[in-house]
Amino acid sequence: MNTLSLNIKALKITFMCITLTLLSACSDSKENAPTIYLIPEGYVGSIYIVYDIPNGETPKYEGESRIYEIPTSGMLITQMKTRYNNGEALFYYKNDDGTRTQIIDRATSTIHDTPENRKYSKTIVFGGGVGQIEPLRRCNATYKSFSIGTKSQLLDNINMFDIYDAKGIKNIDKSIFDGMCPDRITPNPSVYLIPESYKGTFYIIYNAPKGQPAKYENGSTIFEIPQSGVLLTQASGSPVWDENPPNWHYYYVDNNGSKTPITGTWSSDSRNKSKNINDTEIVKFHTSIGGFEPVKGCSARVQEFAVGTTAEINSGRYYFGIYDEKGIKNMDKALFEGACSGF
């Protein structure tokens, strides 16, 4: 090989090295650029940023710096990918005309309740930890959390809330999470038809060969609950179970077949709210899924629900257990033949 060929080869290698170095430097520069947080002027309380949500806010940049513009709710849902780096974090209050005022003070350790801290009048940013939430069952998202205010406001928990609270993701329109975790398994779509005015517990016992034949309509399994409140069905249960999936629909059905949707859902929070005592809205509640023994040595699958007013569900006024007289105690056990092994 002549000298010219060697020189050309050396130049190519040098050029490739320079190119890779520049690309690496550019990448490092972007990854280590400051992150800018813009907070509504005067905001005090919790701040959460939930990352990598397909229908979230579009990513914003200033130069190579990421911009997180926090809404007045304190909850930012963004398409931005999670960022793990040592880049500087810059916090600003932003007023209506766009003017920014930098918040210099930071705290990452416990703020003790002392006279000195109570008197400290400057606004500080506390925290910055990263965590995981489950906005959809079996589907996780990463979030970062901060708190902002004076030390006294932080000590008094002014406008502090948990990410799962009503001010967090509890009451957010869940359609914003559509497209997340496309491979996750979701509950089968189901329709529950309940006799008009029925109140109390009702049960569905699955995979019972002598039970009611499985019924389907527009891709949903139809469960017609009898007046007794116990349905034996040949249908198989859903492969997964959620507390209140959006594709489960409940209706009261009158003698003419007319359906009235039951849209309200019972919440455990209602136990501590006196206003629910006189609330006449009918609500439903999927309480549990599990196994039970209709006869000794036979384990079958059963799902439990409740329907009624909040006060009636809280009090257990119309409750009955699966083994009670209103349950399977007086039921012909021959109906369970083939429903489980050992029988």
Protein backbone atom coordinates (compact mmCIF):
# COMPACT_ATOMS: atom_id res chain seq x y z
CA MET A 1 0.00 0.00 0.00
CA ASN A 2 1.46 3.38 -0.99
CA THR A 3 1.85 6.43 1.27
CA LEU A 4 -1.07 8.29 -0.37
CA SER A 5 -3.51 5.47 0.44
CA LEU A 6 -2.34 5.37 4.05
CA ASN A 7 -2.79 9.14 4.38
CA ILE A 8 -6.34 9.01 2.95
CA LYS A 9 -7.24 6.19 5.34
CA ALA A 10 -5.82 8.14 8.27
CA LEU A 11 -7.79 11.22 7.26
CA LYS A 12 -11.03 9.19 7.09
CA ILE A 13 -10.44 7.77 10.55
CA THR A 14 -9.63 11.22 11.92
CA PHE A 15 -12.78 12.69 10.34
CA MET A 16 -14.95 9.91 11.81
CA CYS A 17 -13.44 10.43 15.25
CA ILE A 18 -14.05 14.19 15.09
CA THR A 19 -17.64 13.63 13.93
CA LEU A 20 -18.37 11.15 16.72
CA THR A 21 -16.78 13.47 19.27
CA LEU A 22 -18.87 16.42 18.10
CA LEU A 23 -22.08 14.34 18.13
CA SER A 24 -21.27 13.11 21.62
CA ALA A 25 -20.49 16.64 22.76
CA CYS A 26 -23.77 17.93 21.29
CA SER A 27 -25.71 15.12 22.95
CA ASP A 28 -23.99 15.74 26.30
CA SER A 29 -24.60 19.47 25.91
CA LYS A 30 -28.34 18.94 25.42
CA GLU A 31 -28.63 16.42 28.21
CA ASN A 32 -26.73 18.64 30.64
CA ALA A 33 -28.46 21.87 29.65
CA PRO A 34 -30.39 23.61 32.45
CA THR A 35 -34.03 22.59 32.94
CA ILE A 36 -36.40 25.55 33.33
CA TYR A 37 -39.55 25.39 35.47
CA LEU A 38 -42.08 28.20 34.99
CA ILE A 39 -44.59 28.46 37.84
CA PRO A 40 -47.65 30.76 37.96
CA GLU A 41 -46.79 33.86 39.97
CA GLY A 42 -47.81 33.47 43.61
CA TYR A 43 -48.48 29.72 43.38
CA VAL A 44 -47.94 27.85 46.66
CA GLY A 45 -48.21 24.10 47.18
CA SER A 46 -47.46 20.80 45.49
CA ILE A 47 -46.15 20.49 41.94
CA TYR A 48 -46.15 17.27 39.93
CA ILE A 49 -44.78 16.57 36.45
CA VAL A 50 -45.94 13.30 34.87
CA TYR A 51 -43.72 12.24 31.97
CA ASP A 52 -44.08 10.42 28.66
CA ILE A 53 -47.87 10.66 28.34
CA PRO A 54 -48.87 10.49 24.63
CA ASN A 55 -51.71 13.03 24.95
CA GLY A 56 -49.89 15.32 27.37
CA GLU A 57 -48.52 18.81 26.74
CA THR A 58 -46.20 19.12 23.74
CA PRO A 59 -42.49 19.43 24.73
CA LYS A 60 -41.13 22.99 24.84
CA TYR A 61 -37.51 24.16 24.60
CA GLU A 62 -35.51 27.34 24.90
CA GLY A 63 -32.31 26.60 23.07
CA GLU A 64 -31.29 23.23 24.48
CA SER A 65 -33.14 23.72 27.78
CA ARG A 66 -36.35 21.90 28.51
CA ILE A 67 -39.25 24.14 29.58
CA TYR A 68 -41.84 22.85 32.03
CA GLU A 69 -44.70 25.35 32.25
CA ILE A 70 -46.67 24.43 35.37
CA PRO A 71 -50.44 25.12 35.19
CA THR A 72 -52.38 26.71 38.07
CA SER A 73 -53.52 23.22 39.14
CA GLY A 74 -49.93 22.28 39.96
CA MET A 75 -50.24 19.16 37.76
CA LEU A 76 -48.34 19.04 34.45
CA ILE A 77 -48.95 16.05 32.19
CA THR A 78 -46.31 16.11 29.44
CA GLN A 79 -45.16 14.14 26.43
CA MET A 80 -41.58 14.88 27.49
CA LYS A 81 -39.45 11.84 28.27
CA THR A 82 -38.11 11.40 31.76
CA ARG A 83 -34.73 13.02 32.15
CA TYR A 84 -32.05 11.67 34.49
CA ASN A 85 -29.01 13.93 34.53
CA ASN A 86 -27.05 16.48 36.51
CA GLY A 87 -28.22 19.51 34.57
CA GLU A 88 -29.03 22.61 36.60
CA ALA A 89 -32.69 23.18 37.56
CA LEU A 90 -33.88 26.79 37.27
CA PHE A 91 -37.18 27.83 38.85
CA TYR A 92 -39.09 30.99 38.02
CA TYR A 93 -42.37 32.59 38.94
CA LYS A 94 -44.01 33.82 35.72
CA ASN A 95 -46.67 36.51 35.70
CA ASP A 96 -49.42 37.18 33.15
CA ASP A 97 -47.23 39.34 30.90
CA GLY A 98 -44.49 36.70 30.80
CA THR A 99 -42.09 38.38 33.22
CA ARG A 100 -39.99 35.86 35.12
CA THR A 101 -38.70 36.15 38.68
CA GLN A 102 -36.13 33.52 39.62
CA ILE A 103 -36.63 31.48 42.78
CA ILE A 104 -33.14 30.96 44.10
CA ASP A 105 -33.59 29.08 47.37
CA ARG A 106 -33.80 25.27 47.36
CA ALA A 107 -34.23 22.69 50.12
CA THR A 108 -33.86 18.94 49.84
CA SER A 109 -33.77 17.93 53.51
CA THR A 110 -36.31 18.22 56.32
CA ILE A 111 -37.49 21.72 57.22
CA HIS A 112 -37.81 21.81 60.99
CA ASP A 113 -40.52 23.82 62.72
CA THR A 114 -38.39 26.48 64.40
CA PRO A 115 -38.93 30.20 65.00
CA GLU A 116 -36.14 30.95 62.53
CA ASN A 117 -37.81 28.92 59.77
CA ARG A 118 -41.20 30.47 60.55
CA LYS A 119 -39.72 33.93 60.08
CA TYR A 120 -37.93 33.06 56.82
CA SER A 121 -39.92 35.02 54.24
CA LYS A 122 -38.30 33.97 50.96
CA THR A 123 -40.00 31.50 48.64
CA ILE A 124 -38.16 28.19 48.36
CA VAL A 125 -38.46 25.06 46.24
CA PHE A 126 -38.45 21.85 48.24
CA GLY A 127 -37.84 18.31 47.00
CA GLY A 128 -37.45 17.09 43.44
CA GLY A 129 -37.88 13.36 43.98
CA VAL A 130 -38.84 10.93 41.22
CA GLY A 131 -41.55 8.31 41.65
CA GLN A 132 -43.92 5.96 39.84
CA ILE A 133 -47.70 6.12 39.56
CA GLU A 134 -50.27 3.85 37.95
CA PRO A 135 -52.72 6.15 36.11
CA LEU A 136 -54.15 3.05 34.41
CA ARG A 137 -54.18 -0.41 35.93
CA ARG A 138 -51.04 -2.37 35.03
CA CYS A 139 -49.54 0.71 33.37
CA ASN A 140 -46.93 2.85 35.13
CA ALA A 141 -45.73 6.40 34.53
CA THR A 142 -42.82 8.34 36.02
CA TYR A 143 -43.33 11.63 37.82
CA LYS A 144 -41.27 14.27 39.60
CA SER A 145 -42.58 16.23 42.57
CA PHE A 146 -41.73 19.56 44.19
CA SER A 147 -43.30 21.84 46.76
CA ILE A 148 -43.06 25.62 46.69
CA GLY A 149 -43.72 28.36 49.24
CA THR A 150 -42.16 29.99 52.26
CA LYS A 151 -40.88 27.67 54.96
CA SER A 152 -43.89 28.58 57.09
CA GLN A 153 -46.29 27.72 54.24
CA LEU A 154 -44.53 24.42 53.64
CA LEU A 155 -44.64 23.58 57.35
CA ASP A 156 -48.38 24.33 57.38
CA ASN A 157 -48.93 22.15 54.27
CA ILE A 158 -50.62 24.99 52.37
CA ASN A 159 -52.16 23.55 49.17
CA MET A 160 -50.21 20.29 49.58
CA PHE A 161 -51.81 17.27 47.93
CA ASP A 162 -50.95 13.70 47.00
CA ILE A 163 -50.67 12.80 43.33
CA TYR A 164 -53.59 10.35 43.68
CA ASP A 165 -55.87 12.93 45.35
CA ALA A 166 -58.78 14.74 43.74
CA LYS A 167 -56.42 17.63 42.97
CA GLY A 168 -53.96 15.13 41.51
CA ILE A 169 -54.93 12.52 38.91
CA LYS A 170 -58.11 11.20 40.55
CA ASN A 171 -60.47 13.55 38.69
CA ILE A 172 -58.37 14.10 35.57
CA ASP A 173 -60.04 13.07 32.31
CA LYS A 174 -58.52 9.62 31.88
CA SER A 175 -58.64 9.93 28.09
CA ILE A 176 -55.37 11.87 28.41
CA PHE A 177 -53.73 8.51 29.17
CA ASP A 178 -55.12 6.80 26.04
CA GLY A 179 -52.33 5.17 24.06
CA MET A 180 -50.23 4.30 27.09
CA CYS A 181 -49.11 0.70 27.51
CA PRO A 182 -50.90 -0.60 24.38
CA ASP A 183 -50.02 -4.20 25.25
CA ARG A 184 -51.54 -4.18 28.73
CA ILE A 185 -54.42 -6.58 29.39
CA THR A 186 -57.71 -4.86 30.22
CA PRO A 187 -60.96 -6.23 31.65
CA ASN A 188 -63.47 -7.67 29.22
CA PRO A 189 -66.26 -5.23 28.31
CA SER A 190 -69.37 -6.17 30.28
CA VAL A 191 -72.98 -5.08 30.75
CA TYR A 192 -74.84 -5.76 34.01
CA LEU A 193 -78.66 -5.77 33.81
CA ILE A 194 -80.22 -5.48 37.27
CA PRO A 195 -83.94 -5.78 38.10
CA GLU A 196 -85.53 -2.37 38.58
CA SER A 197 -85.42 -1.16 42.20
CA TYR A 198 -83.15 -4.04 43.27
CA LYS A 199 -80.83 -2.98 46.10
CA GLY A 200 -78.08 -4.82 47.88
CA THR A 201 -75.39 -7.34 47.17
CA PHE A 202 -75.40 -9.43 44.02
CA TYR A 203 -73.07 -12.21 42.92
CA ILE A 204 -71.94 -13.77 39.64
CA ILE A 205 -70.63 -17.35 39.73
CA TYR A 206 -68.62 -18.23 36.61
CA ASN A 207 -67.90 -21.34 34.53
CA ALA A 208 -71.00 -23.18 35.77
CA PRO A 209 -72.02 -25.67 33.01
CA LYS A 210 -75.61 -25.76 34.30
CA GLY A 211 -75.80 -22.00 34.68
CA GLN A 212 -77.32 -19.47 32.30
CA PRO A 213 -75.78 -19.62 28.81
CA ALA A 214 -73.27 -16.88 28.11
CA LYS A 215 -74.76 -13.89 26.28
CA TYR A 216 -72.93 -11.35 24.13
CA GLU A 217 -73.89 -8.12 22.42
CA ASN A 218 -71.61 -5.83 20.41
CA GLY A 219 -68.53 -7.45 21.91
CA SER A 220 -69.72 -7.16 25.53
CA THR A 221 -70.69 -10.00 27.84
CA ILE A 222 -74.27 -9.52 29.11
CA PHE A 223 -75.03 -10.51 32.69
CA GLU A 224 -78.75 -10.58 33.57
CA ILE A 225 -78.94 -10.53 37.35
CA PRO A 226 -81.97 -12.44 38.72
CA GLN A 227 -84.20 -11.08 41.51
CA SER A 228 -82.45 -13.47 43.91
CA GLY A 229 -79.19 -11.56 43.41
CA VAL A 230 -77.16 -14.69 42.54
CA LEU A 231 -76.38 -15.45 38.88
CA LEU A 232 -74.83 -18.75 37.83
CA THR A 233 -73.41 -18.38 34.34
CA GLN A 234 -71.57 -20.49 31.82
CA ALA A 235 -69.54 -17.41 30.91
CA SER A 236 -65.88 -17.24 31.85
CA GLY A 237 -64.67 -14.43 34.03
CA SER A 238 -62.47 -11.63 32.73
CA PRO A 239 -58.73 -12.46 32.55
CA VAL A 240 -58.03 -9.43 34.79
CA TRP A 241 -60.09 -7.49 37.32
CA ASP A 242 -60.26 -3.78 38.06
CA GLU A 243 -62.33 -1.97 40.66
CA ASN A 244 -64.43 0.12 38.27
CA PRO A 245 -63.35 -0.32 34.63
CA PRO A 246 -64.80 2.22 32.19
CA ASN A 247 -65.97 -0.58 29.89
CA TRP A 248 -68.31 -2.06 32.54
CA HIS A 249 -71.85 -0.66 32.26
CA TYR A 250 -74.71 -1.08 34.72
CA TYR A 251 -78.46 -0.67 34.14
CA TYR A 252 -81.73 -1.04 36.00
CA VAL A 253 -84.18 -2.92 33.75
CA ASP A 254 -87.97 -2.73 34.13
CA ASN A 255 -90.57 -5.34 33.17
CA ASN A 256 -90.76 -3.93 29.64
CA GLY A 257 -87.03 -4.22 29.10
CA SER A 258 -86.37 -0.48 29.32
CA LYS A 259 -82.91 0.29 30.70
CA THR A 260 -81.88 3.10 33.04
CA PRO A 261 -78.11 3.61 33.38
CA ILE A 262 -76.57 3.49 36.86
CA THR A 263 -73.72 5.94 36.46
CA GLY A 264 -72.81 6.74 40.07
CA THR A 265 -69.99 4.82 41.73
CA TRP A 266 -69.62 4.22 45.45
CA SER A 267 -66.39 5.51 47.00
CA SER A 268 -64.76 4.58 50.29
CA ASP A 269 -64.34 8.33 50.91
CA SER A 270 -68.10 8.59 51.34
CA ARG A 271 -68.00 6.86 54.72
CA ASN A 272 -66.86 10.10 56.35
CA LYS A 273 -69.27 12.47 54.60
CA SER A 274 -72.52 13.18 56.46
CA LYS A 275 -74.10 14.70 53.33
CA ASN A 276 -74.39 11.19 51.86
CA ILE A 277 -76.96 10.17 54.50
CA ASN A 278 -79.83 11.74 52.55
CA ASP A 279 -78.38 11.22 49.07
CA THR A 280 -80.88 9.30 46.94
CA GLU A 281 -78.60 8.69 43.93
CA ILE A 282 -78.21 5.01 43.09
CA VAL A 283 -74.58 3.95 42.90
CA LYS A 284 -72.85 0.67 42.16
CA PHE A 285 -69.72 -0.93 43.52
CA HIS A 286 -67.60 -3.87 42.40
CA THR A 287 -66.43 -5.18 45.76
CA SER A 288 -64.33 -8.28 45.11
CA ILE A 289 -63.43 -11.30 42.99
CA GLY A 290 -62.28 -14.59 44.48
CA GLY A 291 -62.89 -18.26 45.10
CA PHE A 292 -65.48 -19.95 47.29
CA GLU A 293 -66.63 -23.51 48.03
CA PRO A 294 -70.23 -24.20 46.96
CA VAL A 295 -69.66 -27.75 48.25
CA LYS A 296 -66.79 -29.14 50.28
CA GLY A 297 -63.65 -29.69 48.22
CA CYS A 298 -64.97 -27.64 45.29
CA SER A 299 -63.51 -24.22 44.55
CA ALA A 300 -65.45 -21.98 42.17
CA ARG A 301 -64.99 -18.39 40.99
CA VAL A 302 -67.35 -15.68 42.24
CA GLN A 303 -67.57 -11.92 41.79
CA GLU A 304 -69.36 -9.64 44.29
CA PHE A 305 -71.11 -6.34 43.62
CA ALA A 306 -73.40 -3.95 45.46
CA VAL A 307 -76.04 -1.46 44.31
CA GLY A 308 -78.08 1.11 46.23
CA THR A 309 -77.68 4.57 47.73
CA THR A 310 -74.36 5.47 49.31
CA ALA A 311 -75.91 5.36 52.78
CA GLU A 312 -77.41 1.90 52.12
CA ILE A 313 -74.09 0.49 50.92
CA ASN A 314 -72.22 2.07 53.84
CA SER A 315 -74.64 0.58 56.36
CA GLY A 316 -74.79 -2.85 54.73
CA ARG A 317 -78.57 -2.63 54.94
CA TYR A 318 -79.23 -5.05 52.09
CA TYR A 319 -76.00 -7.04 52.31
CA PHE A 320 -75.93 -10.84 52.31
CA GLY A 321 -73.02 -13.26 52.13
CA ILE A 322 -72.54 -15.84 49.42
CA TYR A 323 -73.02 -18.65 51.97
CA ASP A 324 -76.20 -17.15 53.50
CA GLU A 325 -79.76 -18.32 52.91
CA LYS A 326 -80.14 -15.63 50.25
CA GLY A 327 -76.87 -16.88 48.79
CA ILE A 328 -76.19 -20.53 47.99
CA LYS A 329 -77.17 -22.15 51.32
CA ASN A 330 -80.52 -23.41 50.05
CA MET A 331 -79.53 -23.67 46.39
CA ASP A 332 -79.63 -27.04 44.62
CA LYS A 333 -75.96 -28.07 44.73
CA ALA A 334 -76.42 -30.14 41.57
CA LEU A 335 -76.24 -26.82 39.71
CA PHE A 336 -72.51 -26.73 40.48
CA GLU A 337 -71.69 -30.05 38.82
CA GLY A 338 -68.75 -29.49 36.50
CA ALA A 339 -68.12 -25.98 37.83
CA CYS A 340 -65.00 -27.05 39.67
CA SER A 341 -62.71 -29.99 40.26
CA GLY A 342 -63.59 -32.43 43.01
CA PHE A 343 -67.35 -32.37 42.42
